[in-house]
Amino acid sequence: MPRRPRIDFPGAFHHVYARGIEKRNIFADQNDRGELRRRIVWNLKRFNAGWLAWSFMPNHFHLLFHSKSGNLPDFMRCVMSGYSIYFNKKYKRAGHLFQNRYKSSAIDSERYLLELIRYIHLNPVRSGIVPSLEKLAMYRWTGHFEIMAIGRLPWEQYPFIREFFSSSYISGMEIYLAFLEDGLRCRSEEFTFDDAAGTSKEKSGLYDTPPDMNRNVSRRIFMSIVSKVSRTHSISMDRILDGRRDRISSCARREILRQCVYEKGMTIRAVCNWLGITTTGGLYHLNAADQSGAIGSFTDGD
């Protein structure tokens, strides 16, 4: 059966995965990992591409690849063939190093892309190579290590990622770490590439059961949004959260729901639970926001 052509185009994002043949290790020491990373970085510049997340495991590696010019196949061919030649020469071996050709999954939603950042960076913890999120900051072979080393998030050129990790009251790094912690709470074991790729094929409506990213979402992120709405519109947080039905409180909850669900990817059920309203009420608020194109005025009296 002929192979299907890769789905690639300028601007595409891909989850890329390559495994050692017969699941054998593709690294024998730290120098090997450094060599693969060096080749990836060099070819990213060569092919005008980017990476948003990455991790090296003993027998495979993950990349979240931004195909700025639509050249994923050329990039991966250079990386994998070049590293294979290096590895075989160093260890005096012959034959294939990688199992078949690499796998790739085109990313078709911002929500799925955000989950993959978390999935890839948590891979060493979920597989048991690293015991905790704190120790992950010292594991050199992930993008997470580099984020913690420089002390800032690297996605400034991607507005939707920057916005997800933005808050007026909590730093982006705090939100990012809370995001990773939520991932560890909701799933302790590593899931496979096929599991991760499958989420892009699921129906991704805002009212559906969402992928892993949206379970047990961080209450800290939710509270930062509540605080922001409270201060912006001069309404107390208690008034927002005690279930009052006056117009100002309802408009505030509508805005919080809009930000949490549409912008941060949280589930309606979780946000409604924290707001002290029913899921049906939350759906009503979101539908009203969709129909009006705005959350309503905060200038009315009680």
Protein backbone atom coordinates (compact mmCIF):
# COMPACT_ATOMS: atom_id res chain seq x y z
CA MET A 1 0.00 0.00 0.00
CA PRO A 2 1.55 3.35 -1.00
CA ARG A 3 2.40 5.82 1.71
CA ARG A 4 0.20 8.85 2.07
CA PRO A 5 1.90 12.17 1.38
CA ARG A 6 2.69 14.38 4.34
CA ILE A 7 0.19 17.11 5.09
CA ASP A 8 2.34 20.22 5.12
CA PHE A 9 1.99 23.84 4.09
CA PRO A 10 3.52 27.19 5.04
CA GLY A 11 2.44 28.11 8.55
CA ALA A 12 1.48 24.57 9.60
CA PHE A 13 2.21 23.18 13.06
CA HIS A 14 3.16 19.51 13.48
CA HIS A 15 3.68 17.09 16.33
CA VAL A 16 6.67 15.07 15.13
CA TYR A 17 7.85 11.79 16.68
CA ALA A 18 10.72 9.47 15.75
CA ARG A 19 11.65 6.22 17.50
CA GLY A 20 14.71 3.98 17.41
CA ILE A 21 14.48 0.79 15.38
CA GLU A 22 13.05 -2.09 17.44
CA LYS A 23 12.57 0.51 20.18
CA ARG A 24 16.33 0.61 20.77
CA ASN A 25 17.99 3.62 22.33
CA ILE A 26 19.04 6.36 19.95
CA PHE A 27 21.42 7.95 22.47
CA ALA A 28 24.38 6.36 24.24
CA ASP A 29 25.54 9.42 26.15
CA GLN A 30 24.91 13.12 26.71
CA ASN A 31 27.12 14.04 23.75
CA ASP A 32 24.71 12.18 21.46
CA ARG A 33 21.77 14.17 22.77
CA GLY A 34 23.73 17.36 22.31
CA GLU A 35 24.57 16.37 18.73
CA LEU A 36 20.92 15.76 17.84
CA ARG A 37 19.90 19.05 19.39
CA ARG A 38 22.67 20.86 17.50
CA ARG A 39 21.51 19.36 14.20
CA ILE A 40 17.88 20.28 14.89
CA VAL A 41 18.75 23.89 15.73
CA TRP A 42 21.00 24.23 12.68
CA ASN A 43 18.33 22.84 10.33
CA LEU A 44 15.62 25.01 11.87
CA LYS A 45 17.63 28.03 10.75
CA ARG A 46 18.42 26.46 7.39
CA PHE A 47 14.78 25.73 6.58
CA ASN A 48 13.24 28.83 8.20
CA ALA A 49 11.30 26.75 10.71
CA GLY A 50 10.61 26.90 14.44
CA TRP A 51 9.98 24.61 17.39
CA LEU A 52 7.60 25.35 20.23
CA ALA A 53 8.36 22.33 22.42
CA TRP A 54 10.70 19.34 22.40
CA SER A 55 11.90 16.44 24.49
CA PHE A 56 14.47 13.66 24.07
CA MET A 57 13.77 10.26 25.58
CA PRO A 58 16.14 7.24 25.55
CA ASN A 59 14.64 5.68 22.42
CA HIS A 60 12.63 8.48 20.79
CA PHE A 61 12.17 12.21 20.54
CA HIS A 62 9.27 14.65 20.19
CA LEU A 63 9.15 17.99 18.41
CA LEU A 64 6.39 20.57 18.11
CA PHE A 65 7.41 21.95 14.72
CA HIS A 66 6.31 25.18 13.06
CA SER A 67 6.62 24.75 9.30
CA LYS A 68 7.00 28.39 8.28
CA SER A 69 7.85 27.50 4.67
CA GLY A 70 6.10 24.14 4.30
CA ASN A 71 9.26 22.01 4.37
CA LEU A 72 8.84 19.47 7.16
CA PRO A 73 9.93 16.46 5.01
CA ASP A 74 13.18 18.14 3.95
CA PHE A 75 13.90 19.23 7.51
CA MET A 76 13.32 15.78 9.01
CA ARG A 77 15.28 14.03 6.27
CA CYS A 78 18.33 16.17 7.00
CA VAL A 79 18.02 15.80 10.77
CA MET A 80 17.46 12.05 10.83
CA SER A 81 19.90 11.04 8.09
CA GLY A 82 22.61 13.33 9.43
CA TYR A 83 22.24 12.06 12.98
CA SER A 84 22.12 8.43 11.82
CA ILE A 85 25.40 8.85 9.93
CA TYR A 86 26.96 10.47 13.01
CA PHE A 87 25.71 7.71 15.34
CA ASN A 88 26.73 4.80 13.08
CA LYS A 89 30.19 6.23 12.51
CA LYS A 90 30.76 6.91 16.21
CA TYR A 91 29.67 3.44 17.35
CA LYS A 92 30.92 1.51 14.28
CA ARG A 93 27.52 0.16 13.38
CA ALA A 94 25.57 -0.16 10.13
CA GLY A 95 21.92 -0.10 9.14
CA HIS A 96 18.91 1.92 10.14
CA LEU A 97 18.88 3.81 13.43
CA PHE A 98 15.24 4.90 13.35
CA GLN A 99 12.15 2.71 13.04
CA ASN A 100 10.48 3.31 9.68
CA ARG A 101 9.90 6.94 8.85
CA TYR A 102 9.01 9.50 11.44
CA LYS A 103 5.40 10.10 12.43
CA SER A 104 3.81 13.51 12.18
CA SER A 105 0.38 14.90 12.97
CA ALA A 106 -0.77 18.27 11.65
CA ILE A 107 -2.28 20.37 14.43
CA ASP A 108 -5.70 21.73 13.56
CA SER A 109 -6.64 23.79 16.63
CA GLU A 110 -5.00 26.15 19.12
CA ARG A 111 -6.36 24.04 21.96
CA TYR A 112 -4.62 20.92 20.65
CA LEU A 113 -1.38 22.85 20.16
CA LEU A 114 -1.41 24.07 23.75
CA GLU A 115 -2.00 20.55 25.03
CA LEU A 116 0.94 19.28 22.98
CA ILE A 117 3.28 21.84 24.57
CA ARG A 118 2.34 20.31 27.90
CA TYR A 119 2.37 16.70 26.69
CA ILE A 120 5.84 16.98 25.14
CA HIS A 121 7.43 18.80 28.07
CA LEU A 122 5.93 16.38 30.61
CA ASN A 123 7.02 13.29 28.69
CA PRO A 124 10.06 12.56 30.93
CA VAL A 125 7.91 12.80 34.07
CA ARG A 126 5.05 10.68 32.78
CA SER A 127 7.46 7.99 31.61
CA GLY A 128 9.27 7.88 34.98
CA ILE A 129 12.65 9.16 33.77
CA VAL A 130 12.22 12.26 35.92
CA PRO A 131 10.42 11.89 39.29
CA SER A 132 8.71 15.29 39.55
CA LEU A 133 7.99 18.61 37.93
CA GLU A 134 10.62 20.22 40.15
CA LYS A 135 13.26 17.77 38.91
CA LEU A 136 12.13 18.32 35.31
CA ALA A 137 13.64 21.81 35.52
CA MET A 138 17.05 20.09 35.82
CA TYR A 139 16.52 17.60 32.97
CA ARG A 140 18.49 19.23 30.15
CA TRP A 141 16.79 17.52 27.23
CA THR A 142 13.46 19.33 27.01
CA GLY A 143 12.29 22.77 26.02
CA HIS A 144 11.04 23.09 29.61
CA PHE A 145 14.62 23.09 30.91
CA GLU A 146 15.46 26.01 28.65
CA ILE A 147 12.33 27.91 29.70
CA MET A 148 13.24 27.55 33.36
CA ALA A 149 16.88 28.46 32.67
CA ILE A 150 16.05 31.77 30.97
CA GLY A 151 13.12 32.50 33.31
CA ARG A 152 10.63 33.53 30.65
CA LEU A 153 8.25 31.98 28.13
CA PRO A 154 9.59 31.66 24.57
CA TRP A 155 6.39 32.05 22.53
CA GLU A 156 6.29 35.82 22.13
CA GLN A 157 5.81 35.57 18.36
CA TYR A 158 2.64 33.45 18.78
CA PRO A 159 -0.15 35.76 20.04
CA PHE A 160 -2.65 33.02 20.98
CA ILE A 161 -0.05 31.23 23.15
CA ARG A 162 1.10 34.49 24.70
CA GLU A 163 -2.50 35.38 25.51
CA PHE A 164 -3.18 31.98 27.09
CA PHE A 165 -0.35 32.49 29.55
CA SER A 166 -1.16 36.15 30.23
CA SER A 167 -2.68 37.71 33.33
CA SER A 168 -2.52 41.11 34.95
CA TYR A 169 -2.05 39.59 38.41
CA ILE A 170 -0.09 36.34 37.92
CA SER A 171 3.11 35.99 35.92
CA GLY A 172 3.13 33.97 32.73
CA MET A 173 5.66 31.57 34.27
CA GLU A 174 3.30 30.86 37.19
CA ILE A 175 0.43 30.15 34.80
CA TYR A 176 2.67 27.90 32.70
CA LEU A 177 3.79 25.88 35.75
CA ALA A 178 0.21 25.58 37.00
CA PHE A 179 -0.73 24.35 33.53
CA LEU A 180 1.90 21.61 33.74
CA GLU A 181 0.84 20.68 37.29
CA ASP A 182 -2.74 20.23 36.11
CA GLY A 183 -1.49 17.85 33.43
CA LEU A 184 0.24 15.67 36.01
CA ARG A 185 -2.86 15.58 38.22
CA CYS A 186 -5.22 14.53 35.47
CA ARG A 187 -3.04 11.80 33.97
CA SER A 188 -0.15 10.06 35.69
CA GLU A 189 0.94 7.69 32.92
CA GLU A 190 2.49 8.57 29.56
CA PHE A 191 0.07 8.38 26.68
CA THR A 192 1.18 7.39 23.20
CA PHE A 193 1.73 9.42 20.07
CA ASP A 194 -1.45 7.92 18.63
CA ASP A 195 -3.42 9.06 21.68
CA ALA A 196 -2.09 12.58 21.30
CA ALA A 197 -2.63 12.65 17.55
CA GLY A 198 -6.15 11.32 17.97
CA THR A 199 -7.28 14.37 19.89
CA SER A 200 -6.96 16.44 16.72
CA LYS A 201 -9.54 14.20 15.04
CA GLU A 202 -12.09 14.52 17.84
CA LYS A 203 -14.91 16.99 17.67
CA SER A 204 -13.61 20.09 19.36
CA GLY A 205 -16.74 22.15 20.01
CA LEU A 206 -16.74 24.35 23.08
CA TYR A 207 -19.58 22.39 24.67
CA ASP A 208 -18.08 18.93 24.06
CA THR A 209 -15.96 16.90 26.44
CA PRO A 210 -12.54 18.44 25.76
CA PRO A 211 -9.11 16.79 25.50
CA ASP A 212 -6.78 16.24 28.43
CA MET A 213 -5.74 19.86 28.61
CA ASN A 214 -9.18 20.92 29.92
CA ARG A 215 -9.65 18.50 32.81
CA ASN A 216 -8.97 19.79 36.30
CA VAL A 217 -7.97 23.18 34.96
CA SER A 218 -6.07 25.45 37.29
CA ARG A 219 -8.21 27.35 39.75
CA ARG A 220 -5.39 29.86 39.98
CA ILE A 221 -5.88 30.84 36.33
CA PHE A 222 -9.64 31.09 36.90
CA MET A 223 -9.17 33.28 39.98
CA SER A 224 -6.80 35.59 38.11
CA ILE A 225 -9.53 36.19 35.53
CA VAL A 226 -12.14 36.78 38.26
CA SER A 227 -9.80 39.27 39.91
CA LYS A 228 -9.20 41.06 36.62
CA VAL A 229 -12.92 41.38 35.86
CA SER A 230 -13.59 42.48 39.44
CA ARG A 231 -11.04 45.31 39.30
CA THR A 232 -11.78 46.38 35.75
CA HIS A 233 -15.49 46.79 36.41
CA SER A 234 -15.47 47.76 40.12
CA ILE A 235 -17.46 44.81 41.36
CA SER A 236 -16.38 42.69 44.32
CA MET A 237 -15.22 39.12 43.79
CA ASP A 238 -17.67 37.93 46.45
CA ARG A 239 -20.51 39.45 44.49
CA ILE A 240 -19.39 37.62 41.36
CA LEU A 241 -19.00 34.26 43.11
CA ASP A 242 -22.04 34.16 45.39
CA GLY A 243 -24.53 33.41 42.60
CA ARG A 244 -26.39 36.73 42.60
CA ARG A 245 -28.70 37.24 39.64
CA ASP A 246 -28.53 41.02 39.30
CA ARG A 247 -27.46 42.37 35.93
CA ILE A 248 -23.96 43.50 36.88
CA SER A 249 -23.08 40.16 38.49
CA SER A 250 -24.49 38.26 35.51
CA CYS A 251 -22.50 40.35 33.04
CA ALA A 252 -19.34 39.79 35.06
CA ARG A 253 -19.88 36.02 35.05
CA ARG A 254 -20.53 36.12 31.32
CA GLU A 255 -17.20 37.84 30.73
CA ILE A 256 -15.39 35.36 32.99
CA LEU A 257 -16.95 32.44 31.15
CA ARG A 258 -16.01 33.93 27.80
CA GLN A 259 -12.37 34.34 28.80
CA CYS A 260 -12.07 30.99 30.57
CA VAL A 261 -13.80 28.90 27.89
CA TYR A 262 -13.02 30.69 24.63
CA GLU A 263 -9.55 32.04 25.43
CA LYS A 264 -8.13 29.65 28.03
CA GLY A 265 -9.76 26.42 26.85
CA MET A 266 -11.37 25.48 30.17
CA THR A 267 -14.47 23.31 30.38
CA ILE A 268 -17.83 25.01 30.89
CA ARG A 269 -18.63 22.54 33.66
CA ALA A 270 -15.53 23.41 35.71
CA VAL A 271 -15.95 27.16 35.32
CA CYS A 272 -19.66 27.02 36.19
CA ASN A 273 -18.86 24.98 39.29
CA TRP A 274 -16.38 27.63 40.46
CA LEU A 275 -18.83 30.42 39.66
CA GLY A 276 -21.59 28.69 41.64
CA ILE A 277 -24.00 28.45 38.70
CA THR A 278 -25.44 25.53 36.75
CA THR A 279 -23.95 24.34 33.47
CA THR A 280 -27.22 25.25 31.80
CA GLY A 281 -26.85 28.77 33.15
CA GLY A 282 -23.31 28.90 31.82
CA LEU A 283 -24.44 27.84 28.37
CA TYR A 284 -27.08 30.55 28.48
CA HIS A 285 -24.45 33.17 29.32
CA LEU A 286 -22.16 32.05 26.49
CA ASN A 287 -24.97 31.87 23.96
CA ALA A 288 -26.05 35.36 24.97
CA ALA A 289 -22.47 36.59 24.49
CA ASP A 290 -22.32 34.95 21.05
CA GLN A 291 -25.60 36.53 19.95
CA SER A 292 -24.84 40.02 21.22
CA GLY A 293 -21.15 40.04 20.34
CA ALA A 294 -20.45 41.57 23.74
CA ILE A 295 -20.94 40.79 27.39
CA GLY A 296 -23.28 43.63 28.09
CA SER A 297 -22.92 46.83 30.03
CA PHE A 298 -21.60 47.07 33.57
CA THR A 299 -23.00 50.55 34.05
CA ASP A 300 -26.53 49.52 35.02
CA GLY A 301 -27.57 49.62 38.65
CA ASP A 302 -28.71 46.62 40.72
